[in-house]
Structures are given as C-alpha cells and as structure tokens.
N, C-alpha and C. Protein backbone atom coordinates (compact mmCIF):
# COMPACT_ATOMS: atom_id res chain seq x y z
N MET A 1 0.71 -1.36 0.02
CA MET A 1 -0.08 0.13 0.25
C MET A 1 0.98 1.08 0.02
N MET A 2 0.30 2.49 -0.87
CA MET A 2 1.27 3.55 -1.08
C MET A 2 0.64 4.81 -0.32
N GLU A 3 1.27 5.44 0.30
CA GLU A 3 0.95 6.61 1.00
C GLU A 3 1.02 7.97 -0.01
N PRO A 4 0.16 8.88 -0.01
CA PRO A 4 0.30 9.81 -0.89
C PRO A 4 1.10 10.78 -0.41
N SER A 5 1.98 10.78 0.34
CA SER A 5 3.61 11.69 0.57
C SER A 5 4.18 10.98 0.19
N GLN A 6 4.51 9.56 -0.26
CA GLN A 6 5.51 9.16 -0.87
C GLN A 6 5.27 9.54 -2.65
N ILE A 7 4.29 9.56 -2.99
CA ILE A 7 3.90 10.15 -4.33
C ILE A 7 4.44 12.01 -4.40
N LYS A 8 3.59 12.79 -3.16
CA LYS A 8 4.25 13.98 -3.65
C LYS A 8 6.03 14.14 -3.77
N ASN A 9 6.49 13.24 -2.58
CA ASN A 9 7.77 13.62 -2.29
C ASN A 9 8.64 13.10 -3.69
N ALA A 10 8.27 12.15 -4.06
CA ALA A 10 9.00 11.71 -5.84
C ALA A 10 8.80 12.64 -6.75
N ILE A 11 7.64 13.31 -6.69
CA ILE A 11 7.08 14.54 -7.85
C ILE A 11 7.99 15.73 -7.21
N LEU A 12 8.59 15.82 -5.83
CA LEU A 12 8.82 17.09 -5.76
C LEU A 12 10.62 16.72 -6.16
N THR A 13 11.00 15.82 -6.46
CA THR A 13 12.19 15.53 -6.45
C THR A 13 13.10 16.39 -8.06
N VAL A 14 11.78 16.40 -9.04
CA VAL A 14 11.90 16.98 -10.02
C VAL A 14 11.41 18.24 -10.56
N LEU A 15 9.96 18.28 -9.33
CA LEU A 15 9.79 19.82 -9.55
C LEU A 15 9.53 20.16 -8.32
N ASP A 16 10.68 21.05 -7.45
CA ASP A 16 10.36 21.47 -6.46
C ASP A 16 10.03 22.55 -5.97
N ASP A 17 9.37 23.44 -7.35
CA ASP A 17 8.45 24.18 -6.98
C ASP A 17 7.05 23.94 -7.10
N ALA A 18 6.58 22.92 -6.93
CA ALA A 18 5.42 22.22 -7.22
C ALA A 18 4.27 22.38 -6.12
N TYR A 19 2.96 22.80 -6.62
CA TYR A 19 2.33 22.61 -5.75
C TYR A 19 1.21 21.38 -5.70
N ILE A 20 1.10 20.77 -5.28
CA ILE A 20 0.35 19.50 -5.24
C ILE A 20 -0.36 18.59 -4.27
N GLU A 21 -1.22 18.02 -5.06
CA GLU A 21 -2.60 17.45 -4.35
C GLU A 21 -2.80 16.43 -4.33
N ILE A 22 -2.58 15.29 -3.74
CA ILE A 22 -2.61 13.87 -3.82
C ILE A 22 -4.10 13.29 -3.13
N LEU A 23 -5.23 12.69 -4.23
CA LEU A 23 -6.20 12.13 -3.20
C LEU A 23 -6.25 10.44 -3.43
N ASN A 24 -6.56 9.80 -2.54
CA ASN A 24 -6.98 8.65 -2.46
C ASN A 24 -8.32 8.31 -2.70
N PRO A 25 -9.01 8.57 -3.60
CA PRO A 25 -10.51 8.51 -3.44
C PRO A 25 -11.10 6.89 -2.96
N MET A 26 -10.82 5.75 -3.17
CA MET A 26 -11.03 4.43 -3.08
C MET A 26 -10.60 3.83 -1.89
N GLY A 27 -9.44 4.86 -1.28
CA GLY A 27 -8.80 4.71 0.44
C GLY A 27 -8.12 3.37 0.26
N ASP A 28 -7.83 2.84 -1.21
CA ASP A 28 -7.43 1.48 -0.71
C ASP A 28 -5.40 1.73 -1.13
N GLY A 29 -4.83 2.66 -1.13
CA GLY A 29 -3.32 2.75 -1.45
C GLY A 29 -2.97 2.27 -2.50
N LEU A 30 -3.96 2.28 -4.13
CA LEU A 30 -3.83 2.03 -4.91
C LEU A 30 -4.14 2.82 -6.10
N HIS A 31 -5.20 3.54 -6.20
CA HIS A 31 -5.21 4.59 -7.04
C HIS A 31 -5.75 5.75 -6.50
N PHE A 32 -5.00 6.68 -7.01
CA PHE A 32 -5.19 8.25 -6.78
C PHE A 32 -5.29 8.86 -7.80
N ASP A 33 -5.93 9.88 -7.27
CA ASP A 33 -6.09 11.69 -8.31
C ASP A 33 -5.11 12.34 -7.64
N ALA A 34 -4.28 13.26 -8.68
CA ALA A 34 -2.90 14.09 -8.72
C ALA A 34 -3.43 15.51 -9.17
N VAL A 35 -3.08 16.37 -8.60
CA VAL A 35 -3.35 17.57 -8.84
C VAL A 35 -1.72 18.00 -9.51
N VAL A 36 -0.73 19.04 -10.15
CA VAL A 36 0.34 19.03 -9.97
C VAL A 36 0.49 20.59 -10.85
N VAL A 37 1.06 21.55 -9.97
CA VAL A 37 0.98 22.98 -10.51
C VAL A 37 2.48 22.98 -10.34
N SER A 38 2.82 23.57 -11.19
CA SER A 38 4.46 23.87 -11.49
C SER A 38 4.56 25.03 -12.80
N SER A 39 5.87 26.21 -12.68
CA SER A 39 5.81 27.11 -13.52
C SER A 39 6.95 25.97 -14.36
N GLU A 40 7.52 25.48 -14.16
CA GLU A 40 8.55 24.09 -15.21
C GLU A 40 7.49 23.99 -16.41
N PHE A 41 6.13 24.05 -16.11
CA PHE A 41 5.28 23.18 -17.41
C PHE A 41 5.27 24.57 -18.41
N GLU A 42 5.58 25.53 -17.62
CA GLU A 42 5.53 27.00 -18.95
C GLU A 42 5.92 26.56 -20.09
N GLY A 43 5.33 26.75 -21.44
CA GLY A 43 5.48 26.24 -22.47
C GLY A 43 6.00 24.86 -22.89
N LYS A 44 5.31 24.08 -22.08
CA LYS A 44 5.04 22.39 -22.61
C LYS A 44 3.88 22.30 -22.85
N SER A 45 4.05 21.08 -23.42
CA SER A 45 2.51 20.85 -23.63
C SER A 45 1.98 19.71 -22.69
N LEU A 46 0.44 19.66 -22.79
CA LEU A 46 0.01 18.70 -21.39
C LEU A 46 0.89 17.48 -21.45
N ILE A 47 1.09 16.84 -22.67
CA ILE A 47 1.57 15.60 -22.85
C ILE A 47 3.12 15.39 -22.19
N GLU A 48 3.71 16.74 -22.44
CA GLU A 48 5.28 17.09 -21.98
C GLU A 48 4.86 17.20 -20.69
N GLN A 49 4.02 17.77 -19.77
CA GLN A 49 4.15 18.16 -18.32
C GLN A 49 3.97 17.14 -17.93
N GLN A 50 3.06 16.03 -18.39
CA GLN A 50 2.60 14.76 -17.50
C GLN A 50 3.54 13.75 -17.52
N ARG A 51 4.66 13.85 -19.18
CA ARG A 51 5.49 12.95 -18.81
C ARG A 51 6.61 13.16 -17.76
N ILE A 52 6.74 14.42 -17.36
CA ILE A 52 7.53 14.81 -16.21
C ILE A 52 7.44 14.35 -15.07
N VAL A 53 5.91 14.35 -14.86
CA VAL A 53 5.66 13.81 -13.94
C VAL A 53 5.67 12.41 -13.64
N MET A 54 5.21 11.68 -14.81
CA MET A 54 5.33 10.34 -14.41
C MET A 54 6.59 9.93 -14.29
N GLU A 55 7.18 10.04 -14.98
CA GLU A 55 8.88 9.95 -15.13
C GLU A 55 9.57 10.19 -13.81
N SER A 56 9.11 10.89 -12.77
CA SER A 56 9.27 10.77 -11.39
C SER A 56 8.80 9.75 -10.62
N LEU A 57 7.97 9.12 -11.33
CA LEU A 57 6.57 8.02 -10.49
C LEU A 57 7.40 6.82 -11.07
N THR A 58 8.29 6.57 -11.92
CA THR A 58 8.57 5.35 -12.38
C THR A 58 9.41 4.03 -11.74
N LYS A 59 9.75 4.57 -10.66
CA LYS A 59 10.02 3.68 -9.62
C LYS A 59 9.26 2.71 -8.91
N LEU A 60 8.16 3.94 -8.29
CA LEU A 60 7.13 4.15 -7.41
C LEU A 60 5.95 2.89 -8.47
N PHE A 61 5.65 2.98 -9.63
CA PHE A 61 4.66 2.24 -10.22
C PHE A 61 5.03 0.55 -10.26
N GLY A 62 6.29 0.21 -10.35
CA GLY A 62 6.98 -1.08 -10.17
C GLY A 62 6.52 -1.61 -8.68
N SER A 63 6.36 -0.70 -7.84
CA SER A 63 6.26 -1.09 -6.48
C SER A 63 4.27 -1.41 -6.07
N SER A 64 3.67 -0.73 -5.85
CA SER A 64 2.54 -0.53 -5.55
C SER A 64 1.42 -0.04 -5.75
N LEU A 65 1.87 1.23 -6.60
CA LEU A 65 0.97 2.15 -7.60
C LEU A 65 0.23 1.84 -8.52
N HIS A 66 -0.95 1.51 -8.51
CA HIS A 66 -2.09 0.98 -9.08
C HIS A 66 -2.57 1.76 -10.36
N ALA A 67 -2.94 3.17 -9.97
CA ALA A 67 -3.54 3.65 -11.23
C ALA A 67 -3.47 4.79 -10.65
N MET A 68 -3.68 6.01 -11.39
CA MET A 68 -3.22 7.26 -11.28
C MET A 68 -3.94 8.22 -12.28
N SER A 69 -4.83 9.37 -12.00
CA SER A 69 -5.50 10.04 -12.47
C SER A 69 -4.61 11.25 -12.23
N LEU A 70 -4.20 12.42 -13.50
CA LEU A 70 -3.23 12.99 -13.30
C LEU A 70 -3.70 14.31 -14.16
N LYS A 71 -3.60 15.31 -13.35
CA LYS A 71 -3.85 16.55 -14.12
C LYS A 71 -3.17 17.55 -13.83
N THR A 72 -2.46 18.32 -14.73
CA THR A 72 -0.77 19.11 -14.79
C THR A 72 -1.35 20.71 -14.80
N TYR A 73 -1.06 21.45 -14.55
CA TYR A 73 -0.84 22.96 -14.58
C TYR A 73 -0.10 23.92 -14.39
N THR A 74 0.04 25.09 -15.44
CA THR A 74 0.95 26.27 -15.20
C THR A 74 0.37 26.92 -13.89
N PRO A 75 0.94 27.74 -13.36
CA PRO A 75 0.23 28.51 -11.97
C PRO A 75 -0.65 29.47 -12.73
N ASP A 76 -0.67 30.07 -14.15
CA ASP A 76 -1.68 30.86 -14.57
C ASP A 76 -3.06 30.22 -15.30
N ALA A 77 -2.96 28.58 -15.70
CA ALA A 77 -3.91 27.91 -15.60
C ALA A 77 -4.75 27.40 -14.51
N TRP A 78 -3.86 27.37 -13.37
CA TRP A 78 -4.61 26.84 -11.97
C TRP A 78 -5.30 27.77 -11.61
N LYS A 79 -4.65 29.23 -11.61
CA LYS A 79 -5.84 30.34 -11.28
C LYS A 79 -6.96 30.40 -11.78
N LYS A 80 -7.02 29.87 -13.32
CA LYS A 80 -8.23 30.16 -13.99
C LYS A 80 -8.85 28.69 -13.69
N VAL A 81 -8.52 28.25 -13.32
CA VAL A 81 -9.53 26.67 -12.82
C VAL A 81 -10.04 27.19 -11.37
N LYS A 82 -9.21 27.36 -10.80
CA LYS A 82 -9.73 27.80 -9.24
C LYS A 82 -10.78 28.96 -9.46
N ASN A 83 -10.54 29.85 -9.90
CA ASN A 83 -11.64 30.84 -10.04
C ASN A 83 -12.77 30.54 -11.15
N ALA A 84 -12.48 29.64 -11.75
CA ALA A 84 -13.96 28.86 -12.75
C ALA A 84 -14.34 28.14 -11.47
N THR A 85 -13.95 27.50 -10.63
CA THR A 85 -14.84 26.40 -9.61
C THR A 85 -15.43 27.67 -8.51
N THR A 86 -14.93 29.14 -8.38
CA THR A 86 -15.38 30.15 -7.20
C THR A 86 -16.45 30.55 -7.69
N ASP A 87 -16.41 30.49 -8.78
CA ASP A 87 -17.50 31.88 -9.65
C ASP A 87 -18.92 31.02 -9.56
C-alpha cells in the first residue's frame, strides 16, 4: 500500500516548486488522483507536463501504485481553474 506523501515526495524531486494535491478516493492505497501545478510546465504541452511527472513516479509504479488520474497546470492555468470553480 502506498501513501500520498510518497507520491508527493517523488514529484518534488523533479519539480521542487510544485503545488501538489494527492487524493486516494478509494482509500485503498492503489488508486490516486493528482493535481500538479508548476512553473516548470510553462511552454510545454500537456503530454510533456505529464511525462515529467510520470517519469518521477517510474520507481513507484514498479511497486504498489496501481492507477493515477493526473492533471497538470501552469500557475496561470491553475488560477483560471480555481477562479472558474469559485464563480
């Protein structure tokens, strides 16, 4: 079983400025939802952004991480998402 903090720490090794939310909606330590916001994503496609995150998790996938829903944002895009949900 994996803890959300393990995922967060792995991502922070490559994106040290990241804001990260990790949820375990099923409570099983296998299925996670992640939101990662980083200035490192500026100028990169969504695929490139997600590749950066997923490469940081490669070692974890070999152990107990079963599935993860991943959303990545630049800081500006995240502000727009947050503003849209509060309107």
